[in-house]
Structure formats: C-alpha cells, structure tokens
Amino acid sequence: TVGPSTRVPGGRAFASQEQFEASALEAGSAHFASLAGDLLRIPDAFRVKVWDPGSRILYSDEPKLIGRSFPHNEEVAEALEGDLEIEIGLSKDEHLYELEHAPEHRLLEIYVPLVQGTGGKPYGVVELYIYSPLFFAHMDEAQRHLWLISGIGGGGMFLVLGGIFWAAWRKERRLTRQLESARQLNEDIVEHLDTGVVVLDSRLTVLSWNKGMERICGDCLRRERVMGRAFSEVFPQGADDTFVSRLQEVLRTGAAYSCYAQPCPICGAGKRKIVNMKLVPIKGDEGKPPMILMTIEDLTELRKLEAQVIHSEKLATIGEMYAGLTHEINNPLGIILSKVKTLLAEGPAEGYQQSLMQDLQQIDRHSSRIAQILRNLLT
C-alpha cells in the first residue's frame, strides 16, 4: 500500500487521497505517467492500469482504456477492500488489448490497493500485468513474497518486485536454453531414425519429413521436394479415397491406426515397398487443429531375406528327402547287385542256360546304372 510519505521510485508522491483525486482530474497526469513508467521497467511487465473506487480506469499506458469502466471486475472490488490481489488468466472484459502480449493466454495480474495511513480505506488500485512463463512455475514462492511486501511503501514494493522478477527472468533464460537444447536433441534423434517420420497438418499437407523417409523413398522424394505439398501430390498412387478417408478419420476421432506388412507405393515413380505404417493424432496447441504423425518402417529387404531363407530351407528339406530316399533304395539295390554278381560268377560252373546268363547281365547293368544315378543325386 502507499502511505502518506511514500514516494514512487523516480516519480512524485501521493501525499494524500486528495492528491490522488487531483491527479485523476488532471489530463495526462504526470503522477500516473511517472508511476507507469517505473512499473514498466520491471522485467516482463507490459501494462499498467490505475483504477478509482468506481472500477473506472483513470490511467493506463494504453490510452484507449482511459475512462472505460468495468464494474464486474471482482479483483478490483476486493483490492478496494484493502487486499492485495493476484490473478492468473486472460478472460475478463477489460482484456481488450492484452491478447497480443500473451500468446499462451496466461497473464499475471497484481492489484495493489492505495491506502492513506494504517487501517484506512483504499482510495484507488494500481494493477500491473506481467507475462512470464517461468513465473507461473514459481507462483507459490512469488505469492509469499508479494504478501510480504504488500505492507511496504511504494518504493520498497517496486524494488522488491523488481528483484523477484529479475531473478525469475534469469531463471527463465536458463530454462529456455535447456529447453532449446532438449528440443534440438529430440530433432536429431528423429532425424537419424531408420524409421520414416512424416507430420501432416489438418489439411494433409506435409510439415515434416526426416532423413529416414528420404532413405526409404530415395531421390524421387527428397525433403525439399515434398515440404509444404499435399499428401495426395506426394503419393498419388497411394492417396486413394480409402486412405485419405482413413487420415481424415484419425483427425476426426483422435484414434490411432496401424497396418502391418502392407504394399505401399512409396515413390513418385510408383515403386511399391512392403511397410509397417502407423498413424497417430497429435493435439495442436490451444485453438489450433490437430495433426497426424505418420511412421513408416520399410520391410522390403527383410521380406527378401525371409524369402531367401524359406527357399534355402526348402532346398535343405529336399536334400534331406533325397538322402533318405537314396538310402532306402540303395539297401535293397545293393542286395540285388550282390546276388546278381554271385549268380553270374557261378553260372558257367553250374551250367546256366545262355538266356538266363543274358538276363542276369542285363539286371546287373541296369542295377549298376540306378546305383550311379543315386550317387549323382547325393553329390
């Protein structure tokens, strides 16, 4: 609060409620302008408003707000009861010109009641707007400090606030550098994956295309040739009505979709590859439409290796079958050959007829031929 002898740093003093009211009647009040100038030097501060007890803005660094009344501002009403108020948000009627300063729709609003003397009734409120993402993460700690300094004179209050926000600003810079390093690391990891990674926006336009996709698609679909183009232009053979409907369904329902070992025309020239594909919806930032993360794993070479392995296994099976069959034939064939040769050797002594000897010789000749064929099959 601001007391009888409190000075605003670098500005003039509000010695009394009467001087405050006199400044309110003064067009372009120097007191208010000096106060706003000091407050806006605080890191991340960008808006100052001075309110009268009727919830009317007496002064602001945004001239369009001066003279506007917002009677339903609960924080101003509570500050006029003597309480220091801290609010987070960006949804009041008075937030006419603050949206452009807070892209995340988050603001820290500090309402400081102006009181003459101890226990006096507030005669005005000074509101300060801060936009600092790091500050929100440390809100509890900052709030304890703000309550502590709420009874300190104007000059001390602004100095303490300045110290708090300066420290918060330095921490925010360190965290920003760390986040940037982490973001770069994630991009490097995605960039060097063997899996192809593509990001499509809600209009199915290519937003991202990693090196994995370049390796899968080859020179026909380099990154510089596909970025910013529609999916149907990049894959004209694959972007039929069914697949486009699938993409639109993922965007509409928010449900992921997967297909495994499917042929896909993955190149502009129509070359087909066997791939695993997964479509995952990505929620956009607040107020922005969703996107699709598409991952593609090339199985073409793996399928070729599998086919070679299967072919080799078939050959091995046939070889085992030949070996077993040859063994089964060789056993009785060996007996036949042995017996025939014995009979041929005994024939002259035993007086076998000529016709029988000729038959035995023919059996020996053909049996030997069968044996040779079986040996050739095993080599």
Protein backbone atom coordinates (compact mmCIF):
# COMPACT_ATOMS: atom_id res chain seq x y z
CA THR A 1 0.00 0.00 0.00
CA VAL A 2 1.01 3.63 -0.48
CA GLY A 3 1.17 5.72 2.71
CA PRO A 4 1.32 9.48 3.42
CA SER A 5 5.06 9.89 2.92
CA THR A 6 5.69 7.11 0.43
CA ARG A 7 7.43 8.02 -2.83
CA VAL A 8 7.09 6.22 -6.13
CA PRO A 9 10.64 5.43 -7.38
CA GLY A 10 11.72 8.12 -9.81
CA GLY A 11 8.30 9.83 -9.65
CA ARG A 12 6.17 12.03 -7.46
CA ALA A 13 4.46 11.23 -4.16
CA PHE A 14 0.79 10.65 -3.48
CA ALA A 15 0.80 12.52 -0.20
CA SER A 16 -2.93 12.07 0.32
CA GLN A 17 -6.15 10.80 -1.15
CA GLU A 18 -6.87 14.34 -2.25
CA GLN A 19 -3.69 14.47 -4.33
CA PHE A 20 -4.65 11.14 -5.94
CA GLU A 21 -8.06 12.52 -6.82
CA ALA A 22 -6.50 15.72 -8.13
CA SER A 23 -4.21 13.68 -10.38
CA ALA A 24 -7.26 11.79 -11.60
CA LEU A 25 -8.79 15.05 -12.78
CA GLU A 26 -5.58 16.13 -14.50
CA ALA A 27 -5.47 15.18 -18.18
CA GLY A 28 -2.35 13.11 -18.88
CA SER A 29 -1.43 13.15 -15.19
CA ALA A 30 2.33 13.34 -14.65
CA HIS A 31 1.99 11.39 -11.38
CA PHE A 32 0.27 8.49 -13.11
CA ALA A 33 2.63 8.58 -16.11
CA SER A 34 5.69 8.53 -13.81
CA LEU A 35 4.21 5.64 -11.82
CA ALA A 36 3.51 3.65 -15.01
CA GLY A 37 6.98 4.34 -16.36
CA ASP A 38 8.61 2.97 -13.20
CA LEU A 39 6.43 -0.13 -13.15
CA LEU A 40 7.01 -0.94 -16.82
CA ARG A 41 10.75 -1.15 -16.16
CA ILE A 42 10.13 -4.33 -14.18
CA PRO A 43 11.19 -7.36 -16.30
CA ASP A 44 8.28 -8.85 -18.29
CA ALA A 45 5.83 -6.08 -17.26
CA PHE A 46 3.86 -4.63 -20.17
CA ARG A 47 0.65 -3.00 -18.90
CA VAL A 48 -0.34 -0.66 -16.02
CA LYS A 49 -3.85 0.41 -15.03
CA VAL A 50 -4.92 2.82 -12.28
CA TRP A 51 -8.48 2.31 -11.01
CA ASP A 52 -10.73 4.60 -9.00
CA PRO A 53 -13.22 3.28 -6.37
CA GLY A 54 -15.91 3.12 -9.06
CA SER A 55 -14.00 0.50 -11.10
CA ARG A 56 -13.12 3.07 -13.75
CA ILE A 57 -9.68 3.20 -15.35
CA LEU A 58 -8.18 6.61 -14.58
CA TYR A 59 -4.90 5.97 -16.33
CA SER A 60 -3.18 3.29 -18.45
CA ASP A 61 -0.19 3.09 -20.75
CA GLU A 62 -2.80 2.03 -23.34
CA PRO A 63 -4.68 5.31 -23.95
CA LYS A 64 -7.72 3.53 -25.38
CA LEU A 65 -8.52 2.15 -21.92
CA ILE A 66 -8.58 5.50 -20.09
CA GLY A 67 -12.08 6.38 -18.94
CA ARG A 68 -13.50 2.87 -19.51
CA SER A 69 -15.48 1.28 -16.67
CA PHE A 70 -15.59 -2.45 -15.88
CA PRO A 71 -17.88 -2.82 -12.85
CA HIS A 72 -17.75 -6.62 -12.78
CA ASN A 73 -14.01 -6.92 -12.05
CA GLU A 74 -14.03 -8.89 -8.79
CA GLU A 75 -10.29 -8.43 -8.18
CA VAL A 76 -10.59 -4.62 -8.29
CA ALA A 77 -13.54 -4.82 -5.90
CA GLU A 78 -11.56 -6.99 -3.46
CA ALA A 79 -8.48 -4.77 -3.74
CA LEU A 80 -10.69 -1.79 -2.81
CA GLU A 81 -11.43 -3.71 0.36
CA GLY A 82 -7.73 -3.47 1.24
CA ASP A 83 -6.47 -6.84 -0.02
CA LEU A 84 -3.53 -7.42 -2.35
CA GLU A 85 -4.94 -9.48 -5.21
CA ILE A 86 -3.07 -11.77 -7.61
CA GLU A 87 -4.91 -13.29 -10.56
CA ILE A 88 -3.82 -15.59 -13.38
CA GLY A 89 -5.77 -15.60 -16.61
CA LEU A 90 -6.87 -13.67 -19.68
CA SER A 91 -10.63 -13.84 -19.81
CA LYS A 92 -12.08 -10.60 -18.37
CA ASP A 93 -13.99 -7.95 -20.28
CA GLU A 94 -11.18 -5.49 -19.59
CA HIS A 95 -8.65 -7.58 -21.54
CA LEU A 96 -9.23 -5.74 -24.77
CA TYR A 97 -5.63 -5.06 -25.76
CA GLU A 98 -3.65 -7.70 -23.87
CA LEU A 99 -4.11 -10.74 -26.14
CA GLU A 100 -1.24 -9.80 -28.42
CA HIS A 101 1.15 -9.70 -25.44
CA ALA A 102 0.21 -13.16 -24.13
CA PRO A 103 0.22 -15.79 -26.90
CA GLU A 104 -0.38 -18.55 -24.33
CA HIS A 105 -3.42 -16.71 -22.90
CA ARG A 106 -1.73 -16.53 -19.49
CA LEU A 107 -1.13 -13.34 -17.56
CA LEU A 108 -0.16 -12.47 -14.01
CA GLU A 109 -2.28 -9.58 -12.74
CA ILE A 110 -1.24 -7.85 -9.50
CA TYR A 111 -3.77 -5.49 -7.88
CA VAL A 112 -2.22 -3.18 -5.22
CA PRO A 113 -4.64 -1.12 -3.08
CA LEU A 114 -3.68 2.51 -2.38
CA VAL A 115 -4.38 3.31 1.30
CA GLN A 116 -3.77 6.52 3.26
CA GLY A 117 -2.42 5.65 6.69
CA THR A 118 -2.68 2.36 8.59
CA GLY A 119 -6.14 0.86 8.55
CA GLY A 120 -7.51 3.45 6.13
CA LYS A 121 -9.96 2.66 3.34
CA PRO A 122 -8.37 2.24 -0.12
CA TYR A 123 -9.00 5.15 -2.45
CA GLY A 124 -7.63 3.54 -5.61
CA VAL A 125 -5.94 0.47 -7.10
CA VAL A 126 -2.81 0.06 -9.21
CA GLU A 127 -2.89 -3.01 -11.49
CA LEU A 128 0.29 -4.42 -13.05
CA TYR A 129 0.33 -7.01 -15.88
CA ILE A 130 3.21 -9.49 -16.15
CA TYR A 131 3.77 -12.11 -18.87
CA SER A 132 6.48 -14.57 -17.78
CA PRO A 133 6.01 -18.34 -18.31
CA LEU A 134 8.66 -19.12 -15.72
CA PHE A 135 6.88 -17.01 -13.12
CA PHE A 136 3.84 -19.25 -13.27
CA ALA A 137 6.02 -22.25 -12.41
CA HIS A 138 7.22 -20.43 -9.28
CA MET A 139 3.89 -18.85 -8.39
CA ASP A 140 3.72 -20.16 -4.82
CA GLU A 141 7.12 -18.76 -3.95
CA ALA A 142 6.36 -15.43 -5.62
CA GLN A 143 3.00 -15.15 -3.89
CA ARG A 144 4.61 -15.48 -0.45
CA HIS A 145 6.94 -12.61 -1.34
CA LEU A 146 4.10 -10.50 -2.67
CA TRP A 147 2.10 -10.90 0.53
CA LEU A 148 5.20 -9.96 2.50
CA ILE A 149 5.77 -6.77 0.58
CA SER A 150 2.10 -5.75 0.44
CA GLY A 151 2.51 -3.53 3.53
CA ILE A 152 5.77 -1.96 2.41
CA GLY A 153 5.80 1.57 0.95
CA GLY A 154 5.60 2.10 -2.78
CA GLY A 155 9.34 2.48 -3.37
CA GLY A 156 10.27 -0.66 -1.44
CA MET A 157 7.47 -2.63 -3.06
CA PHE A 158 8.66 -1.85 -6.58
CA LEU A 159 12.27 -2.59 -5.69
CA VAL A 160 11.40 -5.97 -4.18
CA LEU A 161 9.14 -6.80 -7.13
CA GLY A 162 11.91 -5.81 -9.49
CA GLY A 163 14.36 -8.14 -7.71
CA ILE A 164 11.91 -11.05 -7.79
CA PHE A 165 11.12 -10.68 -11.47
CA TRP A 166 14.76 -10.10 -12.37
CA ALA A 167 15.70 -13.41 -10.72
CA ALA A 168 12.72 -15.10 -12.39
CA TRP A 169 13.78 -13.68 -15.76
CA ARG A 170 17.31 -15.07 -15.36
CA LYS A 171 15.92 -18.49 -14.42
CA GLU A 172 13.60 -18.33 -17.40
CA ARG A 173 16.53 -17.67 -19.73
CA ARG A 174 18.42 -20.68 -18.33
CA LEU A 175 15.34 -22.89 -18.71
CA THR A 176 14.80 -21.58 -22.24
CA ARG A 177 18.35 -22.58 -23.20
CA GLN A 178 17.86 -26.01 -21.63
CA LEU A 179 14.55 -26.48 -23.45
CA GLU A 180 16.16 -25.45 -26.72
CA SER A 181 18.95 -27.99 -26.18
CA ALA A 182 16.40 -30.70 -25.40
CA ARG A 183 14.36 -29.77 -28.50
CA GLN A 184 17.48 -29.93 -30.69
CA LEU A 185 18.38 -33.33 -29.22
CA ASN A 186 14.90 -34.67 -29.96
CA GLU A 187 15.08 -33.37 -33.53
CA ASP A 188 18.49 -35.03 -34.02
CA ILE A 189 17.15 -38.35 -32.72
CA VAL A 190 14.10 -38.25 -35.02
CA GLU A 191 16.24 -37.12 -37.95
CA HIS A 192 18.58 -40.12 -37.72
CA LEU A 193 15.98 -42.84 -37.17
CA ASP A 194 15.84 -45.58 -39.81
CA THR A 195 12.06 -45.36 -39.50
CA GLY A 196 10.46 -42.75 -41.75
CA VAL A 197 8.68 -39.97 -39.84
CA VAL A 198 6.18 -37.61 -41.51
CA VAL A 199 3.94 -34.93 -39.95
CA LEU A 200 0.76 -33.85 -41.77
CA ASP A 201 -1.42 -30.89 -40.79
CA SER A 202 -5.22 -30.90 -40.70
CA ARG A 203 -5.30 -30.24 -44.47
CA LEU A 204 -2.98 -33.23 -45.07
CA THR A 205 -0.06 -31.02 -46.05
CA VAL A 206 3.48 -32.26 -45.32
CA LEU A 207 5.02 -30.32 -42.40
CA SER A 208 7.95 -32.58 -41.54
CA TRP A 209 9.97 -35.24 -43.42
CA ASN A 210 13.00 -36.87 -41.80
CA LYS A 211 16.06 -38.49 -43.38
CA GLY A 212 14.58 -41.92 -42.72
CA MET A 213 11.83 -41.12 -45.25
CA GLU A 214 14.46 -39.93 -47.73
CA ARG A 215 16.31 -43.25 -47.40
CA ILE A 216 13.09 -45.22 -47.85
CA CYS A 217 11.81 -43.21 -50.82
CA GLY A 218 15.14 -42.45 -52.49
CA ASP A 219 15.96 -39.47 -54.68
CA CYS A 220 12.46 -39.26 -56.12
CA LEU A 221 11.10 -37.81 -52.85
CA ARG A 222 13.75 -35.65 -51.22
CA ARG A 223 12.71 -33.39 -48.35
CA GLU A 224 12.96 -30.17 -50.33
CA ARG A 225 10.59 -31.61 -52.94
CA VAL A 226 7.80 -32.62 -50.54
CA MET A 227 7.72 -29.97 -47.79
CA GLY A 228 4.54 -27.91 -48.00
CA ARG A 229 2.94 -30.18 -50.61
CA ALA A 230 -0.33 -32.05 -50.23
CA PHE A 231 -0.12 -35.74 -49.35
CA SER A 232 -2.08 -36.64 -52.49
CA GLU A 233 0.63 -34.95 -54.61
CA VAL A 234 3.49 -36.70 -52.84
CA PHE A 235 1.89 -40.17 -53.05
CA PRO A 236 -0.58 -40.01 -55.96
CA GLN A 237 -0.69 -43.82 -56.25
CA GLY A 238 -1.31 -44.29 -52.51
CA ALA A 239 -3.63 -41.37 -51.79
CA ASP A 240 -6.81 -43.08 -52.94
CA ASP A 241 -10.17 -42.25 -51.42
CA THR A 242 -9.90 -45.07 -48.89
CA PHE A 243 -6.57 -43.96 -47.44
CA VAL A 244 -7.49 -40.26 -47.44
CA SER A 245 -10.68 -41.21 -45.59
CA ARG A 246 -8.53 -43.09 -43.09
CA LEU A 247 -6.38 -40.00 -42.50
CA GLN A 248 -9.45 -37.81 -42.04
CA GLU A 249 -10.93 -40.35 -39.62
CA VAL A 250 -7.78 -40.24 -37.48
CA LEU A 251 -8.05 -36.44 -37.36
CA ARG A 252 -11.76 -36.57 -36.56
CA THR A 253 -11.80 -39.32 -33.92
CA GLY A 254 -8.33 -38.92 -32.40
CA ALA A 255 -7.82 -42.72 -32.61
CA ALA A 256 -4.52 -44.15 -33.88
CA TYR A 257 -4.40 -46.54 -36.84
CA SER A 258 -1.83 -49.23 -37.72
CA CYS A 259 -1.26 -51.59 -40.63
CA TYR A 260 1.47 -54.20 -40.91
CA ALA A 261 3.41 -55.67 -43.85
CA GLN A 262 1.28 -53.94 -46.47
CA PRO A 263 2.38 -52.99 -50.01
CA CYS A 264 2.64 -49.25 -50.44
CA PRO A 265 3.55 -47.09 -53.48
CA ILE A 266 6.25 -45.23 -51.61
CA CYS A 267 7.86 -43.41 -54.51
CA GLY A 268 6.60 -40.89 -57.02
CA ALA A 269 7.52 -43.32 -59.79
CA GLY A 270 5.09 -45.87 -58.32
CA LYS A 271 7.67 -48.25 -56.84
CA ARG A 272 5.97 -50.42 -54.23
CA LYS A 273 7.52 -51.45 -50.94
CA ILE A 274 6.35 -53.57 -48.04
CA VAL A 275 5.93 -51.37 -44.95
CA ASN A 276 4.57 -51.16 -41.42
CA MET A 277 2.63 -47.90 -41.10
CA LYS A 278 1.20 -46.15 -38.06
CA LEU A 279 -0.94 -43.01 -37.93
CA VAL A 280 -1.03 -41.17 -34.60
CA PRO A 281 -3.06 -37.99 -33.99
CA ILE A 282 -1.18 -35.07 -32.40
CA LYS A 283 -3.16 -32.47 -30.49
CA GLY A 284 -2.45 -28.95 -31.69
CA ASP A 285 -1.77 -26.02 -29.39
CA GLU A 286 -4.77 -24.35 -27.81
CA GLY A 287 -7.09 -23.20 -30.53
CA LYS A 288 -5.14 -24.97 -33.28
CA PRO A 289 -6.36 -28.03 -35.26
CA PRO A 290 -4.78 -31.47 -34.71
CA MET A 291 -2.04 -33.01 -36.86
CA ILE A 292 -1.02 -36.56 -37.83
CA LEU A 293 2.28 -38.26 -37.06
CA MET A 294 2.94 -40.97 -39.67
CA THR A 295 5.70 -43.54 -39.11
CA ILE A 296 6.79 -45.90 -41.89
CA GLU A 297 9.07 -48.91 -41.39
CA ASP A 298 10.46 -50.41 -44.59
CA LEU A 299 10.21 -54.22 -44.56
CA THR A 300 11.09 -54.77 -48.23
CA GLU A 301 14.66 -56.03 -47.70
CA LEU A 302 13.57 -58.04 -44.68
CA ARG A 303 10.90 -59.76 -46.77
CA LYS A 304 13.52 -60.55 -49.45
CA LEU A 305 15.80 -62.10 -46.82
CA GLU A 306 12.87 -64.07 -45.42
CA ALA A 307 12.09 -65.38 -48.93
CA GLN A 308 15.74 -66.41 -49.39
CA VAL A 309 15.71 -68.19 -46.03
CA ILE A 310 12.49 -70.01 -46.93
CA HIS A 311 13.95 -71.03 -50.29
CA SER A 312 17.11 -72.30 -48.59
CA GLU A 313 15.04 -74.24 -46.08
CA LYS A 314 13.07 -75.83 -48.93
CA LEU A 315 16.28 -76.86 -50.66
CA ALA A 316 17.60 -78.30 -47.41
CA THR A 317 14.38 -80.24 -46.94
CA ILE A 318 14.57 -81.62 -50.48
CA GLY A 319 18.20 -82.61 -49.88
CA GLU A 320 17.27 -84.47 -46.73
CA MET A 321 14.43 -86.18 -48.60
CA TYR A 322 16.83 -87.24 -51.41
CA ALA A 323 19.33 -88.59 -48.90
CA GLY A 324 16.66 -90.61 -47.13
CA LEU A 325 15.19 -91.90 -50.38
CA THR A 326 18.61 -92.83 -51.76
CA HIS A 327 19.42 -94.70 -48.58
CA GLU A 328 16.15 -96.64 -48.77
CA ILE A 329 16.75 -97.57 -52.43
CA ASN A 330 20.44 -98.39 -52.03
CA ASN A 331 19.84 -101.03 -49.39
CA PRO A 332 17.72 -103.43 -51.50
CA LEU A 333 19.60 -102.44 -54.67
CA GLY A 334 22.87 -103.45 -53.07
CA ILE A 335 21.45 -106.84 -52.20
CA ILE A 336 20.20 -107.28 -55.78
CA LEU A 337 23.59 -106.37 -57.29
CA SER A 338 25.40 -108.63 -54.91
CA LYS A 339 23.15 -111.56 -55.67
CA VAL A 340 23.30 -111.00 -59.45
CA LYS A 341 27.09 -110.83 -59.43
CA THR A 342 27.19 -114.05 -57.42
CA LEU A 343 24.93 -115.80 -59.91
CA LEU A 344 26.98 -114.51 -62.85
CA ALA A 345 30.11 -115.85 -61.24
CA GLU A 346 28.52 -119.28 -60.59
CA GLY A 347 26.74 -119.50 -63.99
CA PRO A 348 29.46 -121.22 -66.11
CA ALA A 349 30.21 -123.80 -63.43
CA GLU A 350 26.60 -124.54 -62.74
CA GLY A 351 25.74 -124.78 -66.43
CA TYR A 352 23.19 -121.97 -66.53
CA GLN A 353 21.42 -121.54 -69.83
CA GLN A 354 22.64 -118.79 -72.12
CA SER A 355 19.34 -116.92 -71.98
CA LEU A 356 19.48 -116.82 -68.16
CA MET A 357 23.02 -115.51 -68.20
CA GLN A 358 21.98 -112.77 -70.58
CA ASP A 359 19.09 -111.78 -68.29
CA LEU A 360 21.44 -111.69 -65.29
CA GLN A 361 23.87 -109.49 -67.18
CA GLN A 362 21.05 -107.09 -68.13
CA ILE A 363 19.85 -106.91 -64.50
CA ASP A 364 23.43 -106.20 -63.36
CA ARG A 365 23.86 -103.47 -65.96
CA HIS A 366 20.64 -101.61 -65.09
CA SER A 367 21.10 -102.02 -61.35
CA SER A 368 24.57 -100.51 -61.62
CA ARG A 369 23.09 -97.63 -63.62
CA ILE A 370 20.48 -96.99 -60.87
CA ALA A 371 23.24 -97.01 -58.26
CA GLN A 372 25.23 -94.43 -60.27
CA ILE A 373 22.18 -92.19 -60.59
CA LEU A 374 21.63 -92.31 -56.82
CA ARG A 375 25.28 -91.42 -56.18
CA ASN A 376 24.96 -88.41 -58.53
CA LEU A 377 21.91 -87.16 -56.63
CA LEU A 378 23.91 -87.06 -53.39
CA THR A 379 26.83 -85.11 -54.84
